[in-house]
Amino acid sequence: MPTLPRGAARLQKIWQTYRDRGFVVLGIAADKGDLSPVSDYADRIGVDFPILFDPQGAVRNQYEVIGLPMSYLIGRDGRFSGRIVGYRDWSSAEGRAIVDGLLDDY
C-alpha cells in the first residue's frame, strides 16, 4: 500500500474549498520503485491535487522531514509559516481557521 496519508481525502476537500483563493496542496510521495500504486490509490479515493514523486528523498532532506505525515505551511510569498508533524484534519474548524488566516495575511 502506498504511503499516502489517511488524511489525503480531507486534504482533497480543503484544497477544493480554497483553491480558488490561491491555496495549493502538494503531495510528496517518497515511495521507491514502481509509483503506479500511488497514482492508482489517489485515483481510487478521488485525489486530484498534484502529487510529486521523491524516491531519492531530495525533498524529504531539504525540508527536514522527521515524521509522516507532515504538513508545511508556506505563504504565497514563499515564506515558511510553520510545519505540523502527524495527522491533522484540515477540513475541521481549526484546520479551516489556519488556512483562512494564512490566506487573509496575503
N, C-alpha and C. Protein backbone atom coordinates (compact mmCIF):
# COMPACT_ATOMS: atom_id res chain seq x y z
N MET A 1 0.85 -1.18 0.00
CA MET A 1 0.00 0.00 0.00
C MET A 1 0.89 1.24 0.00
N PRO A 2 0.59 2.21 -0.85
CA PRO A 2 1.38 3.43 -0.88
C PRO A 2 1.26 4.20 0.44
N THR A 3 2.17 5.13 0.64
CA THR A 3 2.21 5.86 1.90
C THR A 3 1.38 7.14 1.87
N LEU A 4 0.41 7.23 0.98
CA LEU A 4 -0.49 8.39 1.03
C LEU A 4 -1.14 8.42 2.40
N PRO A 5 -1.12 9.57 3.04
CA PRO A 5 -1.66 9.62 4.40
C PRO A 5 -3.16 9.38 4.42
N ARG A 6 -3.62 8.93 5.57
CA ARG A 6 -5.05 8.66 5.71
C ARG A 6 -5.87 9.93 5.53
N GLY A 7 -5.23 11.07 5.67
CA GLY A 7 -5.94 12.34 5.52
C GLY A 7 -5.97 12.87 4.11
N ALA A 8 -5.53 12.08 3.12
CA ALA A 8 -5.48 12.57 1.75
C ALA A 8 -6.85 13.03 1.26
N ALA A 9 -7.90 12.30 1.61
CA ALA A 9 -9.25 12.70 1.19
C ALA A 9 -9.65 14.03 1.83
N ARG A 10 -9.22 14.26 3.06
CA ARG A 10 -9.53 15.54 3.72
C ARG A 10 -8.69 16.67 3.13
N LEU A 11 -7.45 16.39 2.75
CA LEU A 11 -6.65 17.39 2.06
C LEU A 11 -7.31 17.76 0.73
N GLN A 12 -7.85 16.75 0.06
CA GLN A 12 -8.56 17.00 -1.19
C GLN A 12 -9.74 17.94 -0.95
N LYS A 13 -10.47 17.70 0.12
CA LYS A 13 -11.64 18.52 0.43
C LYS A 13 -11.25 19.97 0.71
N ILE A 14 -10.19 20.17 1.52
CA ILE A 14 -9.78 21.53 1.85
C ILE A 14 -9.20 22.22 0.62
N TRP A 15 -8.51 21.47 -0.22
CA TRP A 15 -7.98 22.04 -1.45
C TRP A 15 -9.12 22.49 -2.37
N GLN A 16 -10.14 21.67 -2.50
CA GLN A 16 -11.29 22.05 -3.33
C GLN A 16 -11.97 23.29 -2.79
N THR A 17 -12.03 23.42 -1.48
CA THR A 17 -12.68 24.57 -0.85
C THR A 17 -11.90 25.86 -1.09
N TYR A 18 -10.59 25.81 -1.05
CA TYR A 18 -9.77 27.02 -1.05
C TYR A 18 -8.95 27.27 -2.30
N ARG A 19 -8.91 26.36 -3.24
CA ARG A 19 -8.01 26.55 -4.38
C ARG A 19 -8.33 27.78 -5.20
N ASP A 20 -9.60 28.20 -5.25
CA ASP A 20 -9.94 29.41 -5.99
C ASP A 20 -9.40 30.67 -5.34
N ARG A 21 -8.97 30.55 -4.07
CA ARG A 21 -8.34 31.67 -3.36
C ARG A 21 -6.81 31.59 -3.40
N GLY A 22 -6.30 30.64 -4.16
CA GLY A 22 -4.86 30.51 -4.31
C GLY A 22 -4.21 29.49 -3.41
N PHE A 23 -5.00 28.72 -2.68
CA PHE A 23 -4.46 27.69 -1.79
C PHE A 23 -4.00 26.50 -2.62
N VAL A 24 -2.82 25.99 -2.31
CA VAL A 24 -2.26 24.87 -3.06
C VAL A 24 -1.93 23.74 -2.10
N VAL A 25 -2.27 22.54 -2.49
CA VAL A 25 -1.85 21.33 -1.78
C VAL A 25 -0.94 20.57 -2.73
N LEU A 26 0.23 20.22 -2.24
CA LEU A 26 1.15 19.37 -2.99
C LEU A 26 1.44 18.14 -2.15
N GLY A 27 1.15 16.99 -2.68
CA GLY A 27 1.51 15.76 -2.00
C GLY A 27 2.91 15.35 -2.43
N ILE A 28 3.66 14.79 -1.53
CA ILE A 28 5.00 14.28 -1.85
C ILE A 28 5.00 12.79 -1.55
N ALA A 29 5.24 11.99 -2.56
CA ALA A 29 5.30 10.53 -2.38
C ALA A 29 6.76 10.11 -2.35
N ALA A 30 7.19 9.56 -1.23
CA ALA A 30 8.58 9.14 -1.05
C ALA A 30 8.77 7.66 -1.39
N ASP A 31 7.78 7.04 -1.96
CA ASP A 31 7.86 5.63 -2.29
C ASP A 31 8.98 5.38 -3.30
N LYS A 32 9.61 4.25 -3.18
CA LYS A 32 10.66 3.85 -4.12
C LYS A 32 10.12 2.77 -5.04
N GLY A 33 10.70 2.68 -6.22
CA GLY A 33 10.29 1.65 -7.15
C GLY A 33 9.09 2.09 -7.97
N ASP A 34 8.19 1.17 -8.21
CA ASP A 34 7.02 1.42 -9.04
C ASP A 34 6.09 2.40 -8.36
N LEU A 35 5.83 3.52 -9.00
CA LEU A 35 4.99 4.56 -8.41
C LEU A 35 3.53 4.45 -8.82
N SER A 36 3.20 3.49 -9.66
CA SER A 36 1.81 3.36 -10.10
C SER A 36 0.85 3.07 -8.94
N PRO A 37 1.25 2.36 -7.86
CA PRO A 37 0.30 2.17 -6.76
C PRO A 37 -0.13 3.49 -6.11
N VAL A 38 0.77 4.47 -6.07
CA VAL A 38 0.42 5.78 -5.50
C VAL A 38 -0.63 6.44 -6.38
N SER A 39 -0.38 6.47 -7.68
CA SER A 39 -1.34 7.08 -8.61
C SER A 39 -2.67 6.34 -8.58
N ASP A 40 -2.61 5.02 -8.58
CA ASP A 40 -3.84 4.23 -8.56
C ASP A 40 -4.65 4.49 -7.30
N TYR A 41 -3.96 4.56 -6.15
CA TYR A 41 -4.64 4.81 -4.88
C TYR A 41 -5.26 6.21 -4.87
N ALA A 42 -4.51 7.20 -5.34
CA ALA A 42 -5.03 8.57 -5.41
C ALA A 42 -6.27 8.63 -6.29
N ASP A 43 -6.22 7.96 -7.42
CA ASP A 43 -7.40 7.92 -8.31
C ASP A 43 -8.58 7.25 -7.63
N ARG A 44 -8.31 6.16 -6.94
CA ARG A 44 -9.38 5.38 -6.29
C ARG A 44 -10.09 6.19 -5.21
N ILE A 45 -9.35 7.03 -4.46
CA ILE A 45 -10.00 7.80 -3.39
C ILE A 45 -10.40 9.21 -3.84
N GLY A 46 -10.17 9.52 -5.12
CA GLY A 46 -10.63 10.79 -5.66
C GLY A 46 -9.72 11.98 -5.40
N VAL A 47 -8.44 11.74 -5.23
CA VAL A 47 -7.48 12.82 -5.00
C VAL A 47 -6.97 13.31 -6.35
N ASP A 48 -7.12 14.61 -6.60
CA ASP A 48 -6.58 15.14 -7.85
C ASP A 48 -5.67 16.35 -7.65
N PHE A 49 -5.28 16.62 -6.37
CA PHE A 49 -4.25 17.64 -6.19
C PHE A 49 -2.92 17.04 -6.64
N PRO A 50 -1.95 17.89 -7.01
CA PRO A 50 -0.69 17.36 -7.53
C PRO A 50 0.06 16.53 -6.50
N ILE A 51 0.60 15.41 -6.97
CA ILE A 51 1.45 14.56 -6.14
C ILE A 51 2.80 14.47 -6.83
N LEU A 52 3.83 14.92 -6.14
CA LEU A 52 5.18 14.89 -6.67
C LEU A 52 5.88 13.64 -6.14
N PHE A 53 6.67 13.01 -6.98
CA PHE A 53 7.35 11.79 -6.58
C PHE A 53 8.79 12.11 -6.21
N ASP A 54 9.21 11.64 -5.05
CA ASP A 54 10.53 11.93 -4.49
C ASP A 54 11.21 10.65 -4.02
N PRO A 55 11.46 9.70 -4.94
CA PRO A 55 12.01 8.41 -4.50
C PRO A 55 13.43 8.50 -3.94
N GLN A 56 14.19 9.53 -4.29
CA GLN A 56 15.55 9.67 -3.76
C GLN A 56 15.58 10.45 -2.45
N GLY A 57 14.47 11.04 -2.06
CA GLY A 57 14.39 11.74 -0.79
C GLY A 57 14.94 13.16 -0.79
N ALA A 58 15.08 13.77 -1.95
CA ALA A 58 15.63 15.13 -2.01
C ALA A 58 14.74 16.13 -1.28
N VAL A 59 13.44 16.06 -1.50
CA VAL A 59 12.50 16.97 -0.81
C VAL A 59 12.49 16.65 0.67
N ARG A 60 12.45 15.39 1.00
CA ARG A 60 12.45 14.96 2.40
C ARG A 60 13.67 15.51 3.14
N ASN A 61 14.81 15.48 2.50
CA ASN A 61 16.04 16.00 3.12
C ASN A 61 16.03 17.53 3.19
N GLN A 62 15.62 18.18 2.12
CA GLN A 62 15.63 19.64 2.09
C GLN A 62 14.71 20.23 3.15
N TYR A 63 13.54 19.60 3.35
CA TYR A 63 12.56 20.12 4.30
C TYR A 63 12.64 19.46 5.67
N GLU A 64 13.67 18.66 5.87
CA GLU A 64 13.93 18.03 7.16
C GLU A 64 12.71 17.31 7.73
N VAL A 65 12.17 16.42 6.93
CA VAL A 65 11.01 15.63 7.35
C VAL A 65 11.44 14.71 8.49
N ILE A 66 10.72 14.81 9.61
CA ILE A 66 11.06 13.99 10.78
C ILE A 66 9.98 12.97 11.10
N GLY A 67 8.90 12.98 10.36
CA GLY A 67 7.82 12.02 10.57
C GLY A 67 6.80 12.15 9.47
N LEU A 68 5.97 11.15 9.33
CA LEU A 68 4.93 11.16 8.31
C LEU A 68 3.58 10.90 8.95
N PRO A 69 2.56 11.54 8.50
CA PRO A 69 2.57 12.63 7.53
C PRO A 69 3.10 13.92 8.14
N MET A 70 3.47 14.84 7.28
CA MET A 70 3.99 16.12 7.72
C MET A 70 3.43 17.20 6.81
N SER A 71 2.97 18.28 7.41
CA SER A 71 2.40 19.40 6.65
C SER A 71 3.27 20.63 6.83
N TYR A 72 3.53 21.31 5.74
CA TYR A 72 4.27 22.57 5.75
C TYR A 72 3.34 23.68 5.30
N LEU A 73 3.40 24.78 5.98
CA LEU A 73 2.59 25.94 5.62
C LEU A 73 3.53 26.99 5.06
N ILE A 74 3.34 27.30 3.79
CA ILE A 74 4.21 28.25 3.10
C ILE A 74 3.31 29.30 2.46
N GLY A 75 3.60 30.55 2.75
CA GLY A 75 2.80 31.65 2.22
C GLY A 75 3.01 31.86 0.74
N ARG A 76 2.16 32.66 0.14
CA ARG A 76 2.27 32.95 -1.29
C ARG A 76 3.61 33.59 -1.65
N ASP A 77 4.19 34.27 -0.68
CA ASP A 77 5.47 34.93 -0.92
C ASP A 77 6.65 33.97 -0.73
N GLY A 78 6.35 32.70 -0.46
CA GLY A 78 7.39 31.70 -0.28
C GLY A 78 7.93 31.61 1.14
N ARG A 79 7.42 32.45 2.04
CA ARG A 79 7.89 32.40 3.43
C ARG A 79 7.31 31.19 4.15
N PHE A 80 8.16 30.55 4.91
CA PHE A 80 7.78 29.40 5.73
C PHE A 80 6.99 29.91 6.93
N SER A 81 5.77 29.37 7.13
CA SER A 81 4.93 29.81 8.24
C SER A 81 4.84 28.78 9.36
N GLY A 82 5.21 27.54 9.08
CA GLY A 82 5.15 26.52 10.11
C GLY A 82 5.06 25.13 9.52
N ARG A 83 5.21 24.15 10.40
CA ARG A 83 5.06 22.75 9.99
C ARG A 83 4.37 21.99 11.10
N ILE A 84 3.70 20.95 10.69
CA ILE A 84 2.94 20.14 11.63
C ILE A 84 3.29 18.68 11.35
N VAL A 85 3.74 17.98 12.37
CA VAL A 85 4.06 16.56 12.23
C VAL A 85 2.86 15.76 12.70
N GLY A 86 2.48 14.77 11.91
CA GLY A 86 1.36 13.92 12.27
C GLY A 86 0.08 14.31 11.56
N TYR A 87 -0.91 13.50 11.77
CA TYR A 87 -2.20 13.69 11.11
C TYR A 87 -2.88 14.96 11.60
N ARG A 88 -3.49 15.68 10.69
CA ARG A 88 -4.26 16.88 11.01
C ARG A 88 -5.50 16.87 10.12
N ASP A 89 -6.64 17.09 10.71
CA ASP A 89 -7.87 17.18 9.92
C ASP A 89 -8.02 18.62 9.44
N TRP A 90 -7.48 18.88 8.25
CA TRP A 90 -7.52 20.23 7.71
C TRP A 90 -8.92 20.69 7.36
N SER A 91 -9.87 19.76 7.27
CA SER A 91 -11.25 20.15 6.97
C SER A 91 -12.03 20.50 8.24
N SER A 92 -11.40 20.35 9.41
CA SER A 92 -12.07 20.71 10.67
C SER A 92 -12.13 22.23 10.79
N ALA A 93 -12.89 22.72 11.76
CA ALA A 93 -12.99 24.16 12.00
C ALA A 93 -11.61 24.74 12.31
N GLU A 94 -10.82 24.04 13.11
CA GLU A 94 -9.47 24.52 13.45
C GLU A 94 -8.57 24.58 12.20
N GLY A 95 -8.62 23.53 11.40
CA GLY A 95 -7.82 23.50 10.17
C GLY A 95 -8.22 24.60 9.20
N ARG A 96 -9.52 24.79 9.03
CA ARG A 96 -10.00 25.86 8.14
C ARG A 96 -9.60 27.23 8.66
N ALA A 97 -9.61 27.41 9.98
CA ALA A 97 -9.21 28.70 10.56
C ALA A 97 -7.74 29.00 10.27
N ILE A 98 -6.89 27.98 10.32
CA ILE A 98 -5.47 28.17 9.99
C ILE A 98 -5.32 28.58 8.54
N VAL A 99 -5.99 27.88 7.66
CA VAL A 99 -5.89 28.19 6.22
C VAL A 99 -6.47 29.57 5.94
N ASP A 100 -7.62 29.88 6.52
CA ASP A 100 -8.20 31.22 6.35
C ASP A 100 -7.23 32.30 6.79
N GLY A 101 -6.59 32.09 7.93
CA GLY A 101 -5.64 33.06 8.45
C GLY A 101 -4.47 33.28 7.50
N LEU A 102 -3.95 32.19 6.97
CA LEU A 102 -2.83 32.31 6.02
C LEU A 102 -3.26 33.05 4.76
N LEU A 103 -4.43 32.71 4.24
CA LEU A 103 -4.88 33.36 3.02
C LEU A 103 -5.23 34.82 3.24
N ASP A 104 -5.74 35.14 4.42
CA ASP A 104 -6.08 36.53 4.73
C ASP A 104 -4.85 37.39 4.91
N ASP A 105 -3.73 36.78 5.30
CA ASP A 105 -2.49 37.52 5.50
C ASP A 105 -1.84 37.97 4.21
N TYR A 106 -2.26 37.38 3.09
CA TYR A 106 -1.60 37.70 1.83
C TYR A 106 -2.56 38.30 0.86
